[in-house]
């Protein structure tokens, strides 16, 4: 009787432990590669426009496109919420 009771208790504890944890949310891998979160919570990204047709663009413009840029508040909120949930 005691052995059967302890087995039932172990099974009960096992299932209770597993059901208490919430499922993990998957992070979007493309967002991880394209964006970085700064220490203040802003999101930085690389700027577009440096891949082709560079002979039309001035050297000053090309040089300034090398720098990263900060994403706008509206876009950064959606990126953090849906694509990178663990970086908040």
N, C-alpha and C. Protein backbone atom coordinates (compact mmCIF):
# COMPACT_ATOMS: atom_id res chain seq x y z
N UNK A 1 0.82 -1.19 0.00
CA UNK A 1 0.00 0.00 0.00
C UNK A 1 0.87 1.26 0.00
N UNK A 2 1.91 1.29 0.82
CA UNK A 2 2.78 2.46 0.89
C UNK A 2 3.53 2.70 -0.41
N UNK A 3 3.99 1.62 -1.08
CA UNK A 3 4.71 1.74 -2.35
C UNK A 3 3.82 2.33 -3.44
N UNK A 4 2.56 1.86 -3.49
CA UNK A 4 1.63 2.36 -4.50
C UNK A 4 1.33 3.85 -4.27
N UNK A 5 1.18 4.22 -3.03
CA UNK A 5 0.88 5.61 -2.70
C UNK A 5 2.04 6.52 -3.08
N UNK A 6 3.27 6.09 -2.85
CA UNK A 6 4.43 6.93 -3.18
C UNK A 6 4.58 7.07 -4.69
N UNK A 7 4.27 6.04 -5.47
CA UNK A 7 4.33 6.13 -6.93
C UNK A 7 3.32 7.15 -7.44
N UNK A 8 2.11 7.11 -6.90
CA UNK A 8 1.09 8.06 -7.31
C UNK A 8 1.50 9.49 -6.95
N UNK A 9 2.10 9.63 -5.79
CA UNK A 9 2.54 10.95 -5.37
C UNK A 9 3.64 11.48 -6.28
N UNK A 10 4.57 10.61 -6.67
CA UNK A 10 5.64 11.02 -7.58
C UNK A 10 5.10 11.43 -8.94
N UNK A 11 4.15 10.66 -9.45
CA UNK A 11 3.54 10.99 -10.74
C UNK A 11 2.81 12.33 -10.64
N UNK A 12 2.09 12.54 -9.56
CA UNK A 12 1.35 13.78 -9.36
C UNK A 12 2.31 14.97 -9.30
N UNK A 13 3.39 14.84 -8.53
CA UNK A 13 4.35 15.93 -8.42
C UNK A 13 5.03 16.22 -9.75
N UNK A 14 5.32 15.16 -10.52
CA UNK A 14 5.96 15.32 -11.82
C UNK A 14 5.07 16.14 -12.75
N UNK A 15 3.79 15.79 -12.83
CA UNK A 15 2.89 16.50 -13.74
C UNK A 15 2.61 17.91 -13.25
N UNK A 16 2.49 18.11 -11.95
CA UNK A 16 2.25 19.46 -11.44
C UNK A 16 3.43 20.37 -11.76
N UNK A 17 4.63 19.84 -11.63
CA UNK A 17 5.83 20.64 -11.91
C UNK A 17 5.87 21.05 -13.38
N UNK A 18 5.55 20.13 -14.28
CA UNK A 18 5.62 20.42 -15.70
C UNK A 18 4.52 21.36 -16.17
N UNK A 19 3.37 21.32 -15.56
CA UNK A 19 2.28 22.17 -16.02
C UNK A 19 2.37 23.59 -15.48
N UNK A 20 3.21 23.83 -14.48
CA UNK A 20 3.32 25.16 -13.94
C UNK A 20 4.16 26.07 -14.84
N UNK A 21 5.06 25.51 -15.62
CA UNK A 21 5.93 26.32 -16.47
C UNK A 21 5.18 26.77 -17.72
N UNK A 22 5.35 28.04 -18.04
CA UNK A 22 4.77 28.55 -19.26
C UNK A 22 5.64 28.13 -20.45
N UNK A 23 5.07 27.94 -21.63
CA UNK A 23 5.89 27.58 -22.78
C UNK A 23 6.78 28.74 -23.20
N UNK A 24 7.93 28.42 -23.74
CA UNK A 24 8.87 29.45 -24.18
C UNK A 24 8.41 30.05 -25.51
N UNK A 25 8.76 31.29 -25.73
CA UNK A 25 8.44 31.98 -26.97
C UNK A 25 9.67 31.94 -27.86
N UNK A 26 9.48 31.59 -29.11
CA UNK A 26 10.63 31.52 -30.02
C UNK A 26 11.05 32.91 -30.45
N UNK A 27 12.36 33.15 -30.47
CA UNK A 27 12.91 34.40 -30.96
C UNK A 27 13.13 34.29 -32.46
N UNK A 28 12.81 35.34 -33.18
CA UNK A 28 13.00 35.35 -34.62
C UNK A 28 14.49 35.48 -34.93
N UNK A 29 15.06 34.49 -35.61
CA UNK A 29 16.50 34.47 -35.86
C UNK A 29 16.95 35.59 -36.77
N UNK A 30 16.11 35.99 -37.73
CA UNK A 30 16.51 37.07 -38.62
C UNK A 30 16.58 38.39 -37.86
N UNK A 31 15.70 38.58 -36.89
CA UNK A 31 15.73 39.80 -36.09
C UNK A 31 16.98 39.83 -35.21
N UNK A 32 17.40 38.68 -34.70
CA UNK A 32 18.61 38.63 -33.90
C UNK A 32 19.83 39.09 -34.70
N UNK A 33 19.83 38.74 -35.98
CA UNK A 33 21.00 39.07 -36.81
C UNK A 33 20.98 40.52 -37.29
N UNK A 34 19.80 41.12 -37.41
CA UNK A 34 19.70 42.45 -38.01
C UNK A 34 19.68 43.59 -37.00
N UNK A 35 19.28 43.30 -35.77
CA UNK A 35 19.10 44.37 -34.79
C UNK A 35 19.92 44.10 -33.53
N UNK A 36 20.33 45.18 -32.86
CA UNK A 36 21.02 45.08 -31.58
C UNK A 36 20.31 46.01 -30.60
N UNK A 37 20.18 45.59 -29.37
CA UNK A 37 19.55 46.42 -28.35
C UNK A 37 20.65 47.10 -27.55
N UNK A 38 20.56 48.42 -27.43
CA UNK A 38 21.57 49.17 -26.69
C UNK A 38 21.27 49.08 -25.19
N UNK A 39 22.17 49.63 -24.40
CA UNK A 39 22.01 49.57 -22.95
C UNK A 39 20.81 50.40 -22.49
N UNK A 40 20.45 51.42 -23.25
CA UNK A 40 19.30 52.25 -22.88
C UNK A 40 17.99 51.70 -23.41
N UNK A 41 18.04 50.58 -24.15
CA UNK A 41 16.81 49.95 -24.65
C UNK A 41 16.45 50.33 -26.06
N UNK A 42 17.28 51.14 -26.72
CA UNK A 42 17.01 51.50 -28.11
C UNK A 42 17.52 50.38 -29.02
N UNK A 43 17.00 50.35 -30.24
CA UNK A 43 17.40 49.31 -31.19
C UNK A 43 18.19 49.95 -32.32
N UNK A 44 19.36 49.40 -32.60
CA UNK A 44 20.18 49.90 -33.70
C UNK A 44 20.10 48.93 -34.87
N UNK A 45 20.31 49.45 -36.07
CA UNK A 45 20.29 48.63 -37.28
C UNK A 45 21.24 49.24 -38.29
N UNK A 46 21.59 48.45 -39.31
CA UNK A 46 22.40 48.99 -40.40
C UNK A 46 21.49 49.69 -41.39
N UNK A 47 22.06 50.68 -42.06
CA UNK A 47 21.25 51.44 -43.00
C UNK A 47 21.26 50.80 -44.38
N UNK A 48 20.17 50.98 -45.08
CA UNK A 48 20.03 50.44 -46.43
C UNK A 48 20.69 51.38 -47.44
N UNK A 49 20.95 50.86 -48.64
CA UNK A 49 21.41 51.72 -49.73
C UNK A 49 22.89 51.64 -50.01
N UNK A 50 23.58 50.61 -49.51
CA UNK A 50 25.03 50.52 -49.76
C UNK A 50 25.39 49.26 -50.53
N UNK A 51 24.47 48.68 -51.23
CA UNK A 51 24.74 47.42 -51.92
C UNK A 51 25.09 47.60 -53.40
N UNK A 52 24.36 48.43 -54.09
CA UNK A 52 24.61 48.58 -55.53
C UNK A 52 24.31 50.01 -55.95
N UNK A 53 24.63 50.33 -57.19
CA UNK A 53 24.49 51.69 -57.73
C UNK A 53 25.26 52.72 -56.91
N UNK A 54 26.44 52.34 -56.48
CA UNK A 54 27.22 53.23 -55.63
C UNK A 54 27.86 54.36 -56.42
N UNK A 55 28.00 54.20 -57.76
CA UNK A 55 28.62 55.27 -58.55
C UNK A 55 27.71 56.49 -58.66
N UNK A 56 26.42 56.33 -58.41
CA UNK A 56 25.50 57.47 -58.43
C UNK A 56 25.56 58.26 -57.13
N UNK A 57 26.00 57.62 -56.06
CA UNK A 57 25.94 58.24 -54.74
C UNK A 57 27.25 58.94 -54.42
N UNK A 58 27.15 60.04 -53.73
CA UNK A 58 28.34 60.80 -53.38
C UNK A 58 29.13 60.06 -52.30
N UNK A 59 30.42 60.37 -52.21
CA UNK A 59 31.27 59.73 -51.21
C UNK A 59 30.79 60.08 -49.80
N UNK A 60 30.32 61.28 -49.64
CA UNK A 60 29.81 61.68 -48.32
C UNK A 60 28.60 60.83 -47.92
N UNK A 61 27.71 60.59 -48.88
CA UNK A 61 26.53 59.77 -48.61
C UNK A 61 26.90 58.34 -48.29
N UNK A 62 27.83 57.77 -49.07
CA UNK A 62 28.29 56.40 -48.83
C UNK A 62 28.96 56.29 -47.46
N UNK A 63 29.77 57.29 -47.14
CA UNK A 63 30.47 57.28 -45.85
C UNK A 63 29.47 57.33 -44.69
N UNK A 64 28.44 58.14 -44.83
CA UNK A 64 27.44 58.26 -43.76
C UNK A 64 26.55 57.02 -43.66
N UNK A 65 26.43 56.26 -44.74
CA UNK A 65 25.63 55.04 -44.70
C UNK A 65 26.33 53.91 -43.95
N UNK A 66 27.64 54.05 -43.73
CA UNK A 66 28.38 53.03 -42.97
C UNK A 66 27.91 52.95 -41.52
N UNK A 67 27.50 54.07 -40.99
CA UNK A 67 27.13 54.14 -39.58
C UNK A 67 25.80 53.43 -39.34
N UNK A 68 25.64 52.92 -38.15
CA UNK A 68 24.36 52.35 -37.78
C UNK A 68 23.37 53.44 -37.47
N UNK A 69 22.09 53.11 -37.44
CA UNK A 69 21.05 54.08 -37.13
C UNK A 69 20.16 53.50 -36.03
N UNK A 70 19.42 54.38 -35.39
CA UNK A 70 18.52 53.96 -34.32
C UNK A 70 17.11 53.86 -34.90
N UNK A 71 16.45 52.77 -34.60
CA UNK A 71 15.10 52.52 -35.09
C UNK A 71 14.12 53.45 -34.39
N UNK A 72 13.05 53.82 -35.09
CA UNK A 72 12.05 54.71 -34.49
C UNK A 72 11.31 53.98 -33.36
N UNK A 73 10.68 54.76 -32.50
CA UNK A 73 10.03 54.19 -31.32
C UNK A 73 8.92 53.22 -31.67
N UNK A 74 8.12 53.56 -32.67
CA UNK A 74 7.02 52.68 -33.05
C UNK A 74 7.50 51.35 -33.60
N UNK A 75 8.50 51.40 -34.43
CA UNK A 75 9.04 50.17 -35.00
C UNK A 75 9.77 49.35 -33.94
N UNK A 76 10.50 50.04 -33.06
CA UNK A 76 11.27 49.29 -32.06
C UNK A 76 10.35 48.58 -31.07
N UNK A 77 9.19 49.17 -30.77
CA UNK A 77 8.25 48.51 -29.87
C UNK A 77 7.76 47.20 -30.46
N UNK A 78 7.42 47.21 -31.75
CA UNK A 78 6.91 45.98 -32.37
C UNK A 78 8.02 44.94 -32.53
N UNK A 79 9.24 45.38 -32.83
CA UNK A 79 10.36 44.44 -32.96
C UNK A 79 10.62 43.76 -31.63
N UNK A 80 10.65 44.54 -30.56
CA UNK A 80 10.93 43.96 -29.24
C UNK A 80 9.82 43.03 -28.80
N UNK A 81 8.60 43.39 -29.08
CA UNK A 81 7.48 42.58 -28.57
C UNK A 81 7.34 41.27 -29.32
N UNK A 82 7.43 41.30 -30.64
CA UNK A 82 7.11 40.10 -31.42
C UNK A 82 8.33 39.33 -31.89
N UNK A 83 9.42 40.03 -32.19
CA UNK A 83 10.56 39.34 -32.79
C UNK A 83 11.63 38.98 -31.77
N UNK A 84 11.82 39.81 -30.74
CA UNK A 84 12.88 39.58 -29.77
C UNK A 84 12.29 39.68 -28.36
N UNK A 85 11.46 38.72 -27.96
CA UNK A 85 10.72 38.87 -26.70
C UNK A 85 11.59 38.82 -25.46
N UNK A 86 12.79 38.26 -25.53
CA UNK A 86 13.62 38.14 -24.33
C UNK A 86 14.62 39.28 -24.21
N UNK A 87 14.58 40.26 -25.08
CA UNK A 87 15.52 41.39 -25.02
C UNK A 87 14.88 42.63 -24.45
N UNK A 88 13.76 42.51 -23.78
CA UNK A 88 13.10 43.69 -23.20
C UNK A 88 13.72 44.05 -21.89
